[in-house]
Amino acid sequence: MKNDNPWIDICPGIKRQTVSSGKSMYQMRAALEAGSKMPEHQHPQEQIVHILSGRMKLIVRGTPHELKTGDSFYLASNVPHGVETMEATQVLDTFSPPRDEYLAIDEANRQRG
C-alpha cells in the first residue's frame, strides 16, 4: 500500500507521517533527528510507542526510559511525556482514539498541494 500522506513538522528536528487511521485507531511514523527534543505534553489518546530504529529517552512524568530498536512503551491517556533523542530515531506511534487534529492537518496540506 502506497503512503501518499505528507510529512508534517511537529517541532524542530521531529516530523510525522500518518500511516493509517480508522474509527478507533490512528497510526503514524515519526522521524527524529539526533539530539532533537519534544517538550513535555499530554493528550487524551492512549499511545503505544514502538522504536523502529535508533535510540531515545521517553520521559514520562519526569522519569526517563531509554528505548532502542524493537522496544515498545504504553502511555495511558493524559500522562505527561516528552522525548530526547540520542541518535536518529524512527518511531511507529499508535493512538486510540484517532488524532483527529493530525488528520485535519494532513487534509489541509493535501488540499494545498
PDB file of N, CA and C in Angstrom:
ATOM      1  N   MET A   1       0.832  -1.176   0.000  1.00  0.00           N
ATOM      2  CA  MET A   1       0.000   0.000   0.000  1.00  0.00           C
ATOM      3  C   MET A   1       0.881   1.245   0.000  1.00  0.00           C
ATOM      4  N   LYS A   2       0.671   2.109  -0.962  1.00  0.00           N
ATOM      5  CA  LYS A   2       1.449   3.339  -1.073  1.00  0.00           C
ATOM      6  C   LYS A   2       0.948   4.365  -0.067  1.00  0.00           C
ATOM      7  N   ASN A   3       1.882   5.026   0.608  1.00  0.00           N
ATOM      8  CA  ASN A   3       1.521   6.061   1.567  1.00  0.00           C
ATOM      9  C   ASN A   3       1.804   7.415   0.936  1.00  0.00           C
ATOM     10  N   ASP A   4       0.737   8.147   0.576  1.00  0.00           N
ATOM     11  CA  ASP A   4       0.918   9.472  -0.020  1.00  0.00           C
ATOM     12  C   ASP A   4       0.602  10.594   0.971  1.00  0.00           C
ATOM     13  N   ASN A   5       0.543  10.242   2.262  1.00  0.00           N
ATOM     14  CA  ASN A   5       0.329  11.271   3.271  1.00  0.00           C
ATOM     15  C   ASN A   5       1.584  12.128   3.411  1.00  0.00           C
ATOM     16  N   PRO A   6       1.398  13.423   3.640  1.00  0.00           N
ATOM     17  CA  PRO A   6       2.559  14.318   3.733  1.00  0.00           C
ATOM     18  C   PRO A   6       3.329  14.129   5.040  1.00  0.00           C
ATOM     19  N   TRP A   7       4.629  14.460   5.006  1.00  0.00           N
ATOM     20  CA  TRP A   7       5.418  14.566   6.231  1.00  0.00           C
ATOM     21  C   TRP A   7       5.137  15.945   6.803  1.00  0.00           C
ATOM     22  N   ILE A   8       4.850  15.998   8.107  1.00  0.00           N
ATOM     23  CA  ILE A   8       4.485  17.242   8.782  1.00  0.00           C
ATOM     24  C   ILE A   8       5.465  17.480   9.935  1.00  0.00           C
ATOM     25  N   ASP A   9       6.025  18.693  10.013  1.00  0.00           N
ATOM     26  CA  ASP A   9       6.901  19.040  11.133  1.00  0.00           C
ATOM     27  C   ASP A   9       6.076  19.176  12.406  1.00  0.00           C
ATOM     28  N   ILE A  10       6.536  18.528  13.471  1.00  0.00           N
ATOM     29  CA  ILE A  10       5.878  18.639  14.777  1.00  0.00           C
ATOM     30  C   ILE A  10       6.592  19.691  15.615  1.00  0.00           C
ATOM     31  N   CYS A  11       7.910  19.615  15.648  1.00  0.00           N
ATOM     32  CA  CYS A  11       8.752  20.586  16.332  1.00  0.00           C
ATOM     33  C   CYS A  11      10.139  20.468  15.695  1.00  0.00           C
ATOM     34  N   PRO A  12      11.090  21.344  16.012  1.00  0.00           N
ATOM     35  CA  PRO A  12      12.394  21.282  15.353  1.00  0.00           C
ATOM     36  C   PRO A  12      13.039  19.890  15.449  1.00  0.00           C
ATOM     37  N   GLY A  13      13.368  19.328  14.296  1.00  0.00           N
ATOM     38  CA  GLY A  13      14.042  18.035  14.239  1.00  0.00           C
ATOM     39  C   GLY A  13      13.126  16.823  14.329  1.00  0.00           C
ATOM     40  N   ILE A  14      11.811  17.051  14.412  1.00  0.00           N
ATOM     41  CA  ILE A  14      10.859  15.940  14.523  1.00  0.00           C
ATOM     42  C   ILE A  14       9.708  16.150  13.543  1.00  0.00           C
ATOM     43  N   LYS A  15       9.462  15.139  12.716  1.00  0.00           N
ATOM     44  CA  LYS A  15       8.341  15.205  11.779  1.00  0.00           C
ATOM     45  C   LYS A  15       7.565  13.894  11.834  1.00  0.00           C
ATOM     46  N   ARG A  16       6.340  13.931  11.329  1.00  0.00           N
ATOM     47  CA  ARG A  16       5.472  12.761  11.368  1.00  0.00           C
ATOM     48  C   ARG A  16       4.765  12.559  10.038  1.00  0.00           C
ATOM     49  N   GLN A  17       4.361  11.322   9.804  1.00  0.00           N
ATOM     50  CA  GLN A  17       3.590  10.964   8.617  1.00  0.00           C
ATOM     51  C   GLN A  17       2.520   9.963   9.040  1.00  0.00           C
ATOM     52  N   THR A  18       1.269  10.254   8.726  1.00  0.00           N
ATOM     53  CA  THR A  18       0.194   9.320   9.025  1.00  0.00           C
ATOM     54  C   THR A  18       0.405   8.043   8.217  1.00  0.00           C
ATOM     55  N   VAL A  19       0.313   6.902   8.885  1.00  0.00           N
ATOM     56  CA  VAL A  19       0.408   5.596   8.233  1.00  0.00           C
ATOM     57  C   VAL A  19      -0.990   5.109   7.893  1.00  0.00           C
ATOM     58  N   SER A  20      -1.875   5.120   8.897  1.00  0.00           N
ATOM     59  CA  SER A  20      -3.231   4.625   8.704  1.00  0.00           C
ATOM     60  C   SER A  20      -4.115   5.139   9.824  1.00  0.00           C
ATOM     61  N   SER A  21      -5.409   5.139   9.579  1.00  0.00           N
ATOM     62  CA  SER A  21      -6.350   5.518  10.640  1.00  0.00           C
ATOM     63  C   SER A  21      -7.685   4.840  10.382  1.00  0.00           C
ATOM     64  N   GLY A  22      -8.437   4.693  11.443  1.00  0.00           N
ATOM     65  CA  GLY A  22      -9.749   4.090  11.353  1.00  0.00           C
ATOM     66  C   GLY A  22     -10.669   4.756  12.347  1.00  0.00           C
ATOM     67  N   LYS A  23     -11.772   4.102  12.648  1.00  0.00           N
ATOM     68  CA  LYS A  23     -12.776   4.663  13.543  1.00  0.00           C
ATOM     69  C   LYS A  23     -12.246   4.843  14.970  1.00  0.00           C
ATOM     70  N   SER A  24     -11.404   3.913  15.422  1.00  0.00           N
ATOM     71  CA  SER A  24     -10.955   3.990  16.812  1.00  0.00           C
ATOM     72  C   SER A  24      -9.437   3.986  16.981  1.00  0.00           C
ATOM     73  N   MET A  25      -8.678   4.024  15.884  1.00  0.00           N
ATOM     74  CA  MET A  25      -7.217   3.997  15.983  1.00  0.00           C
ATOM     75  C   MET A  25      -6.586   4.931  14.957  1.00  0.00           C
ATOM     76  N   TYR A  26      -5.361   5.357  15.276  1.00  0.00           N
ATOM     77  CA  TYR A  26      -4.556   6.189  14.373  1.00  0.00           C
ATOM     78  C   TYR A  26      -3.113   5.752  14.517  1.00  0.00           C
ATOM     79  N   GLN A  27      -2.415   5.646  13.390  1.00  0.00           N
ATOM     80  CA  GLN A  27      -1.017   5.245  13.439  1.00  0.00           C
ATOM     81  C   GLN A  27      -0.191   6.200  12.595  1.00  0.00           C
ATOM     82  N   MET A  28       0.979   6.567  13.142  1.00  0.00           N
ATOM     83  CA  MET A  28       1.880   7.471  12.431  1.00  0.00           C
ATOM     84  C   MET A  28       3.312   7.009  12.591  1.00  0.00           C
ATOM     85  N   ARG A  29       4.125   7.425  11.655  1.00  0.00           N
ATOM     86  CA  ARG A  29       5.565   7.218  11.733  1.00  0.00           C
ATOM     87  C   ARG A  29       6.171   8.564  12.090  1.00  0.00           C
ATOM     88  N   ALA A  30       7.152   8.556  12.982  1.00  0.00           N
ATOM     89  CA  ALA A  30       7.854   9.788  13.345  1.00  0.00           C
ATOM     90  C   ALA A  30       9.337   9.616  13.047  1.00  0.00           C
ATOM     91  N   ALA A  31       9.939  10.651  12.486  1.00  0.00           N
ATOM     92  CA  ALA A  31      11.375  10.684  12.229  1.00  0.00           C
ATOM     93  C   ALA A  31      11.970  11.763  13.124  1.00  0.00           C
ATOM     94  N   LEU A  32      12.895  11.354  13.985  1.00  0.00           N
ATOM     95  CA  LEU A  32      13.501  12.257  14.959  1.00  0.00           C
ATOM     96  C   LEU A  32      14.996  12.361  14.687  1.00  0.00           C
ATOM     97  N   GLU A  33      15.477  13.563  14.480  1.00  0.00           N
ATOM     98  CA  GLU A  33      16.904  13.772  14.256  1.00  0.00           C
ATOM     99  C   GLU A  33      17.660  13.590  15.570  1.00  0.00           C
ATOM    100  N   ALA A  34      18.917  13.199  15.465  1.00  0.00           N
ATOM    101  CA  ALA A  34      19.765  13.063  16.654  1.00  0.00           C
ATOM    102  C   ALA A  34      19.785  14.384  17.418  1.00  0.00           C
ATOM    103  N   GLY A  35      19.624  14.302  18.733  1.00  0.00           N
ATOM    104  CA  GLY A  35      19.656  15.488  19.572  1.00  0.00           C
ATOM    105  C   GLY A  35      18.356  16.278  19.633  1.00  0.00           C
ATOM    106  N   SER A  36      17.334  15.833  18.908  1.00  0.00           N
ATOM    107  CA  SER A  36      16.063  16.565  18.939  1.00  0.00           C
ATOM    108  C   SER A  36      15.322  16.291  20.245  1.00  0.00           C
ATOM    109  N   LYS A  37      14.445  17.242  20.600  1.00  0.00           N
ATOM    110  CA  LYS A  37      13.677  17.126  21.837  1.00  0.00           C
ATOM    111  C   LYS A  37      12.234  17.515  21.561  1.00  0.00           C
ATOM    112  N   MET A  38      11.315  16.740  22.122  1.00  0.00           N
ATOM    113  CA  MET A  38       9.911  17.120  22.102  1.00  0.00           C
ATOM    114  C   MET A  38       9.544  17.526  23.521  1.00  0.00           C
ATOM    115  N   PRO A  39       9.060  18.743  23.694  1.00  0.00           N
ATOM    116  CA  PRO A  39       8.715  19.199  25.037  1.00  0.00           C
ATOM    117  C   PRO A  39       7.628  18.317  25.674  1.00  0.00           C
ATOM    118  N   GLU A  40       7.597  18.359  26.984  1.00  0.00           N
ATOM    119  CA  GLU A  40       6.572  17.602  27.689  1.00  0.00           C
ATOM    120  C   GLU A  40       5.185  18.043  27.217  1.00  0.00           C
ATOM    121  N   HIS A  41       4.315  17.078  27.003  1.00  0.00           N
ATOM    122  CA  HIS A  41       2.949  17.334  26.568  1.00  0.00           C
ATOM    123  C   HIS A  41       2.078  16.164  27.021  1.00  0.00           C
ATOM    124  N   GLN A  42       0.807  16.280  26.808  1.00  0.00           N
ATOM    125  CA  GLN A  42      -0.100  15.173  27.093  1.00  0.00           C
ATOM    126  C   GLN A  42      -1.302  15.298  26.170  1.00  0.00           C
ATOM    127  N   HIS A  43      -2.025  14.209  26.001  1.00  0.00           N
ATOM    128  CA  HIS A  43      -3.194  14.186  25.128  1.00  0.00           C
ATOM    129  C   HIS A  43      -4.166  13.128  25.636  1.00  0.00           C
ATOM    130  N   PRO A  44      -5.425  13.242  25.256  1.00  0.00           N
ATOM    131  CA  PRO A  44      -6.429  12.304  25.764  1.00  0.00           C
ATOM    132  C   PRO A  44      -6.307  10.897  25.187  1.00  0.00           C
ATOM    133  N   GLN A  45      -5.566  10.729  24.107  1.00  0.00           N
ATOM    134  CA  GLN A  45      -5.419   9.413  23.494  1.00  0.00           C
ATOM    135  C   GLN A  45      -4.455   8.526  24.278  1.00  0.00           C
ATOM    136  N   GLU A  46      -4.734   7.226  24.311  1.00  0.00           N
ATOM    137  CA  GLU A  46      -3.736   6.248  24.727  1.00  0.00           C
ATOM    138  C   GLU A  46      -2.719   6.176  23.591  1.00  0.00           C
ATOM    139  N   GLN A  47      -1.491   5.783  23.909  1.00  0.00           N
ATOM    140  CA  GLN A  47      -0.445   5.746  22.887  1.00  0.00           C
ATOM    141  C   GLN A  47       0.471   4.557  23.132  1.00  0.00           C
ATOM    142  N   ILE A  48       0.845   3.889  22.048  1.00  0.00           N
ATOM    143  CA  ILE A  48       1.910   2.886  22.097  1.00  0.00           C
ATOM    144  C   ILE A  48       3.035   3.391  21.207  1.00  0.00           C
ATOM    145  N   VAL A  49       4.210   3.536  21.795  1.00  0.00           N
ATOM    146  CA  VAL A  49       5.417   3.974  21.090  1.00  0.00           C
ATOM    147  C   VAL A  49       6.221   2.716  20.759  1.00  0.00           C
ATOM    148  N   HIS A  50       6.564   2.524  19.487  1.00  0.00           N
ATOM    149  CA  HIS A  50       7.392   1.387  19.080  1.00  0.00           C
ATOM    150  C   HIS A  50       8.596   1.921  18.306  1.00  0.00           C
ATOM    151  N   ILE A  51       9.796   1.586  18.750  1.00  0.00           N
ATOM    152  CA  ILE A  51      11.021   2.085  18.130  1.00  0.00           C
ATOM    153  C   ILE A  51      11.389   1.193  16.942  1.00  0.00           C
ATOM    154  N   LEU A  52      11.331   1.762  15.743  1.00  0.00           N
ATOM    155  CA  LEU A  52      11.701   1.034  14.528  1.00  0.00           C
ATOM    156  C   LEU A  52      13.216   0.990  14.360  1.00  0.00           C
ATOM    157  N   SER A  53      13.872   2.107  14.711  1.00  0.00           N
ATOM    158  CA  SER A  53      15.334   2.169  14.657  1.00  0.00           C
ATOM    159  C   SER A  53      15.792   3.342  15.502  1.00  0.00           C
ATOM    160  N   GLY A  54      17.008   3.233  16.029  1.00  0.00           N
ATOM    161  CA  GLY A  54      17.585   4.328  16.793  1.00  0.00           C
ATOM    162  C   GLY A  54      17.475   4.135  18.292  1.00  0.00           C
ATOM    163  N   ARG A  55      17.654   5.258  18.999  1.00  0.00           N
ATOM    164  CA  ARG A  55      17.676   5.250  20.459  1.00  0.00           C
ATOM    165  C   ARG A  55      17.196   6.604  20.965  1.00  0.00           C
ATOM    166  N   MET A  56      16.327   6.585  21.962  1.00  0.00           N
ATOM    167  CA  MET A  56      15.797   7.824  22.524  1.00  0.00           C
ATOM    168  C   MET A  56      15.401   7.613  23.973  1.00  0.00           C
ATOM    169  N   LYS A  57      15.205   8.734  24.682  1.00  0.00           N
ATOM    170  CA  LYS A  57      14.658   8.700  26.033  1.00  0.00           C
ATOM    171  C   LYS A  57      13.223   9.195  25.961  1.00  0.00           C
ATOM    172  N   LEU A  58      12.308   8.385  26.446  1.00  0.00           N
ATOM    173  CA  LEU A  58      10.924   8.795  26.628  1.00  0.00           C
ATOM    174  C   LEU A  58      10.798   9.186  28.098  1.00  0.00           C
ATOM    175  N   ILE A  59      10.527  10.445  28.342  1.00  0.00           N
ATOM    176  CA  ILE A  59      10.482  10.955  29.709  1.00  0.00           C
ATOM    177  C   ILE A  59       9.016  11.027  30.134  1.00  0.00           C
ATOM    178  N   VAL A  60       8.635  10.145  31.046  1.00  0.00           N
ATOM    179  CA  VAL A  60       7.246  10.004  31.467  1.00  0.00           C
ATOM    180  C   VAL A  60       7.109  10.490  32.905  1.00  0.00           C
ATOM    181  N   ARG A  61       6.320  11.546  33.087  1.00  0.00           N
ATOM    182  CA  ARG A  61       6.155  12.150  34.419  1.00  0.00           C
ATOM    183  C   ARG A  61       7.509  12.413  35.074  1.00  0.00           C
ATOM    184  N   GLY A  62       8.484  12.890  34.261  1.00  0.00           N
ATOM    185  CA  GLY A  62       9.800  13.235  34.775  1.00  0.00           C
ATOM    186  C   GLY A  62      10.791  12.093  34.869  1.00  0.00           C
ATOM    187  N   THR A  63      10.356  10.866  34.627  1.00  0.00           N
ATOM    188  CA  THR A  63      11.243   9.698  34.707  1.00  0.00           C
ATOM    189  C   THR A  63      11.672   9.271  33.309  1.00  0.00           C
ATOM    190  N   PRO A  64      12.991   9.257  33.017  1.00  0.00           N
ATOM    191  CA  PRO A  64      13.447   8.850  31.684  1.00  0.00           C
ATOM    192  C   PRO A  64      13.439   7.328  31.515  1.00  0.00           C
ATOM    193  N   HIS A  65      13.009   6.897  30.332  1.00  0.00           N
ATOM    194  CA  HIS A  65      13.026   5.487  29.950  1.00  0.00           C
ATOM    195  C   HIS A  65      13.785   5.405  28.628  1.00  0.00           C
ATOM    196  N   GLU A  66      14.956   4.766  28.643  1.00  0.00           N
ATOM    197  CA  GLU A  66      15.736   4.649  27.414  1.00  0.00           C
ATOM    198  C   GLU A  66      15.164   3.528  26.555  1.00  0.00           C
ATOM    199  N   LEU A  67      14.829   3.865  25.315  1.00  0.00           N
ATOM    200  CA  LEU A  67      14.251   2.904  24.379  1.00  0.00           C
ATOM    201  C   LEU A  67      15.163   2.768  23.169  1.00  0.00           C
ATOM    202  N   LYS A  68      15.285   1.552  22.653  1.00  0.00           N
ATOM    203  CA  LYS A  68      16.114   1.283  21.475  1.00  0.00           C
ATOM    204  C   LYS A  68      15.316   0.452  20.483  1.00  0.00           C
ATOM    205  N   THR A  69      15.906   0.201  19.323  1.00  0.00           N
ATOM    206  CA  THR A  69      15.250  -0.552  18.263  1.00  0.00           C
ATOM    207  C   THR A  69      14.556  -1.798  18.813  1.00  0.00           C
ATOM    208  N   GLY A  70      13.265  -1.925  18.483  1.00  0.00           N
ATOM    209  CA  GLY A  70      12.477  -3.084  18.893  1.00  0.00           C
ATOM    210  C   GLY A  70      11.703  -2.897  20.183  1.00  0.00           C
ATOM    211  N   ASP A  71      12.023  -1.852  20.968  1.00  0.00           N
ATOM    212  CA  ASP A  71      11.318  -1.616  22.226  1.00  0.00           C
ATOM    213  C   ASP A  71       9.970  -0.934  21.980  1.00  0.00           C
ATOM    214  N   SER A  72       9.019  -1.185  22.882  1.00  0.00           N
ATOM    215  CA  SER A  72       7.713  -0.524  22.875  1.00  0.00           C
ATOM    216  C   SER A  72       7.405  -0.002  24.265  1.00  0.00           C
ATOM    217  N   PHE A  73       6.535   1.017  24.323  1.00  0.00           N
ATOM    218  CA  PHE A  73       6.150   1.605  25.602  1.00  0.00           C
ATOM    219  C   PHE A  73       4.709   2.063  25.494  1.00  0.00           C
ATOM    220  N   TYR A  74       3.892   1.725  26.494  1.00  0.00           N
ATOM    221  CA  TYR A  74       2.492   2.136  26.536  1.00  0.00           C
ATOM    222  C   TYR A  74       2.345   3.388  27.402  1.00  0.00           C
ATOM    223  N   LEU A  75       1.589   4.357  26.890  1.00  0.00           N
ATOM    224  CA  LEU A  75       1.262   5.576  27.637  1.00  0.00           C
ATOM    225  C   LEU A  75      -0.252   5.659  27.788  1.00  0.00           C
ATOM    226  N   ALA A  76      -0.735   5.745  29.019  1.00  0.00           N
ATOM    227  CA  ALA A  76      -2.160   5.937  29.259  1.00  0.00           C
ATOM    228  C   ALA A  76      -2.552   7.361  28.848  1.00  0.00           C
ATOM    229  N   SER A  77      -3.823   7.617  28.734  1.00  0.00           N
ATOM    230  CA  SER A  77      -4.283   8.949  28.341  1.00  0.00           C
ATOM    231  C   SER A  77      -3.904   9.983  29.405  1.00  0.00           C
ATOM    232  N   ASN A  78      -3.615  11.186  28.914  1.00  0.00           N
ATOM    233  CA  ASN A  78      -3.303  12.349  29.751  1.00  0.00           C
ATOM    234  C   ASN A  78      -2.077  12.190  30.648  1.00  0.00           C
ATOM    235  N   VAL A  79      -1.143  11.324  30.268  1.00  0.00           N
ATOM    236  CA  VAL A  79       0.106  11.169  31.017  1.00  0.00           C
ATOM    237  C   VAL A  79       1.148  12.121  30.420  1.00  0.00           C
ATOM    238  N   PRO A  80       1.713  13.032  31.211  1.00  0.00           N
ATOM    239  CA  PRO A  80       2.728  13.946  30.696  1.00  0.00           C
ATOM    240  C   PRO A  80       3.978  13.175  30.240  1.00  0.00           C
ATOM    241  N   HIS A  81       4.457  13.515  29.036  1.00  0.00           N
ATOM    242  CA  HIS A  81       5.634  12.848  28.495  1.00  0.00           C
ATOM    243  C   HIS A  81       6.325  13.749  27.474  1.00  0.00           C
ATOM    244  N   GLY A  82       7.616  13.492  27.287  1.00  0.00           N
ATOM    245  CA  GLY A  82       8.423  14.203  26.315  1.00  0.00           C
ATOM    246  C   GLY A  82       9.502  13.266  25.804  1.00  0.00           C
ATOM    247  N   VAL A  83      10.315  13.751  24.874  1.00  0.00           N
ATOM    248  CA  VAL A  83      11.312  12.901  24.221  1.00  0.00           C
ATOM    249  C   VAL A  83      12.638  13.645  24.091  1.00  0.00           C
ATOM    250  N   GLU A  84      13.733  12.907  24.266  1.00  0.00           N
ATOM    251  CA  GLU A  84      15.082  13.374  23.927  1.00  0.00           C
ATOM    252  C   GLU A  84      15.738  12.257  23.135  1.00  0.00           C
ATOM    253  N   THR A  85      16.297  12.563  21.973  1.00  0.00           N
ATOM    254  CA  THR A  85      16.932  11.526  21.158  1.00  0.00           C
ATOM    255  C   THR A  85      18.441  11.539  21.333  1.00  0.00           C
ATOM    256  N   MET A  86      19.028  10.337  21.361  1.00  0.00           N
ATOM    257  CA  MET A  86      20.477  10.200  21.434  1.00  0.00           C
ATOM    258  C   MET A  86      21.073  10.001  20.036  1.00  0.00           C
ATOM    259  N   GLU A  87      20.276   9.481  19.125  1.00  0.00           N
ATOM    260  CA  GLU A  87      20.686   9.278  17.735  1.00  0.00           C
ATOM    261  C   GLU A  87      19.441   9.360  16.871  1.00  0.00           C
ATOM    262  N   ALA A  88      19.624   9.455  15.556  1.00  0.00           N
ATOM    263  CA  ALA A  88      18.472   9.495  14.660  1.00  0.00           C
ATOM    264  C   ALA A  88      17.577   8.286  14.948  1.00  0.00           C
ATOM    265  N   THR A  89      16.273   8.544  15.076  1.00  0.00           N
ATOM    266  CA  THR A  89      15.338   7.515  15.513  1.00  0.00           C
ATOM    267  C   THR A  89      14.087   7.542  14.651  1.00  0.00           C
ATOM    268  N   GLN A  90      13.582   6.354  14.331  1.00  0.00           N
ATOM    269  CA  GLN A  90      12.313   6.185  13.627  1.00  0.00           C
ATOM    270  C   GLN A  90      11.351   5.492  14.586  1.00  0.00           C
ATOM    271  N   VAL A  91      10.151   6.043  14.727  1.00  0.00           N
ATOM    272  CA  VAL A  91       9.174   5.532  15.683  1.00  0.00           C
ATOM    273  C   VAL A  91       7.853   5.271  14.971  1.00  0.00           C
ATOM    274  N   LEU A  92       7.175   4.207  15.380  1.00  0.00           N
ATOM    275  CA  LEU A  92       5.807   3.944  14.949  1.00  0.00           C
ATOM    276  C   LEU A  92       4.928   4.174  16.172  1.00  0.00           C
ATOM    277  N   ASP A  93       4.048   5.181  16.097  1.00  0.00           N
ATOM    278  CA  ASP A  93       3.159   5.532  17.204  1.00  0.00           C
ATOM    279  C   ASP A  93       1.732   5.139  16.840  1.00  0.00           C
ATOM    280  N   THR A  94       1.056   4.486  17.783  1.00  0.00           N
ATOM    281  CA  THR A  94      -0.342   4.111  17.605  1.00  0.00           C
ATOM    282  C   THR A  94      -1.153   4.789  18.704  1.00  0.00           C
ATOM    283  N   PHE A  95      -2.262   5.414  18.316  1.00  0.00           N
ATOM    284  CA  PHE A  95      -3.113   6.153  19.239  1.00  0.00           C
ATOM    285  C   PHE A  95      -4.545   5.647  19.176  1.00  0.00           C
ATOM    286  N   SER A  96      -5.223   5.705  20.309  1.00  0.00           N
ATOM    287  CA  SER A  96      -6.652   5.426  20.346  1.00  0.00           C
ATOM    288  C   SER A  96      -7.274   6.344  21.386  1.00  0.00           C
ATOM    289  N   PRO A  97      -8.325   7.085  21.032  1.00  0.00           N
ATOM    290  CA  PRO A  97      -8.921   7.230  19.710  1.00  0.00           C
ATOM    291  C   PRO A  97      -7.983   7.984  18.759  1.00  0.00           C
ATOM    292  N   PRO A  98      -8.384   8.118  17.491  1.00  0.00           N
ATOM    293  CA  PRO A  98      -7.517   8.768  16.497  1.00  0.00           C
ATOM    294  C   PRO A  98      -7.144  10.204  16.863  1.00  0.00           C
ATOM    295  N   ARG A  99      -6.033  10.657  16.286  1.00  0.00           N
ATOM    296  CA  ARG A  99      -5.585  12.046  16.441  1.00  0.00           C
ATOM    297  C   ARG A  99      -6.265  12.872  15.346  1.00  0.00           C
ATOM    298  N   ASP A 100      -7.497  13.269  15.593  1.00  0.00           N
ATOM    299  CA  ASP A 100      -8.271  13.991  14.584  1.00  0.00           C
ATOM    300  C   ASP A 100      -7.592  15.283  14.151  1.00  0.00           C
ATOM    301  N   GLU A 101      -6.873  15.950  15.084  1.00  0.00           N
ATOM    302  CA  GLU A 101      -6.194  17.195  14.719  1.00  0.00           C
ATOM    303  C   GLU A 101      -5.073  16.916  13.712  1.00  0.00           C
ATOM    304  N   TYR A 102      -4.398  15.773  13.818  1.00  0.00           N
ATOM    305  CA  TYR A 102      -3.364  15.415  12.851  1.00  0.00           C
ATOM    306  C   TYR A 102      -3.984  15.087  11.490  1.00  0.00           C
ATOM    307  N   LEU A 103      -5.095  14.385  11.492  1.00  0.00           N
ATOM    308  CA  LEU A 103      -5.783  14.055  10.233  1.00  0.00           C
ATOM    309  C   LEU A 103      -6.248  15.331   9.531  1.00  0.00           C
ATOM    310  N   ALA A 104      -6.715  16.316  10.285  1.00  0.00           N
ATOM    311  CA  ALA A 104      -7.144  17.587   9.700  1.00  0.00           C
ATOM    312  C   ALA A 104      -5.957  18.336   9.084  1.00  0.00           C
ATOM    313  N   ILE A 105      -4.810  18.303   9.757  1.00  0.00           N
ATOM    314  CA  ILE A 105      -3.599  18.944   9.212  1.00  0.00           C
ATOM    315  C   ILE A 105      -3.170  18.237   7.928  1.00  0.00           C
ATOM    316  N   ASP A 106      -3.223  16.905   7.911  1.00  0.00           N
ATOM    317  CA  ASP A 106      -2.891  16.149   6.694  1.00  0.00           C
ATOM    318  C   ASP A 106      -3.776  16.592   5.535  1.00  0.00           C
ATOM    319  N   GLU A 107      -5.077  16.664   5.783  1.00  0.00           N
ATOM    320  CA  GLU A 107      -6.026  17.029   4.729  1.00  0.00           C
ATOM    321  C   GLU A 107      -5.771  18.439   4.226  1.00  0.00           C
ATOM    322  N   ALA A 108      -5.515  19.370   5.120  1.00  0.00           N
ATOM    323  CA  ALA A 108      -5.223  20.750   4.715  1.00  0.00           C
ATOM    324  C   ALA A 108      -3.981  20.817   3.844  1.00  0.00           C
ATOM    325  N   ASN A 109      -2.953  20.017   4.175  1.00  0.00           N
ATOM    326  CA  ASN A 109      -1.724  20.004   3.362  1.00  0.00           C
ATOM    327  C   ASN A 109      -1.963  19.376   1.999  1.00  0.00           C
ATOM    328  N   ARG A 110      -2.796  18.351   1.933  1.00  0.00           N
ATOM    329  CA  ARG A 110      -3.115  17.732   0.635  1.00  0.00           C
ATOM    330  C   ARG A 110      -3.862  18.722  -0.269  1.00  0.00           C
ATOM    331  N   GLN A 111      -4.768  19.496   0.306  1.00  0.00           N
ATOM    332  CA  GLN A 111      -5.545  20.458  -0.476  1.00  0.00           C
ATOM    333  C   GLN A 111      -4.679  21.589  -1.007  1.00  0.00           C
ATOM    334  N   ARG A 112      -3.622  21.948  -0.249  1.00  0.00           N
ATOM    335  CA  ARG A 112      -2.698  22.995  -0.682  1.00  0.00           C
ATOM    336  C   ARG A 112      -1.810  22.522  -1.818  1.00  0.00           C
ATOM    337  N   GLY A 113      -1.617  21.181  -1.814  1.00  0.00           N
ATOM    338  CA  GLY A 113      -0.799  20.743  -2.729  1.00  0.00           C
ATOM    339  C   GLY A 113      -0.093  20.048  -3.589  1.00  0.00           C
TER     340      GLY A 113
END
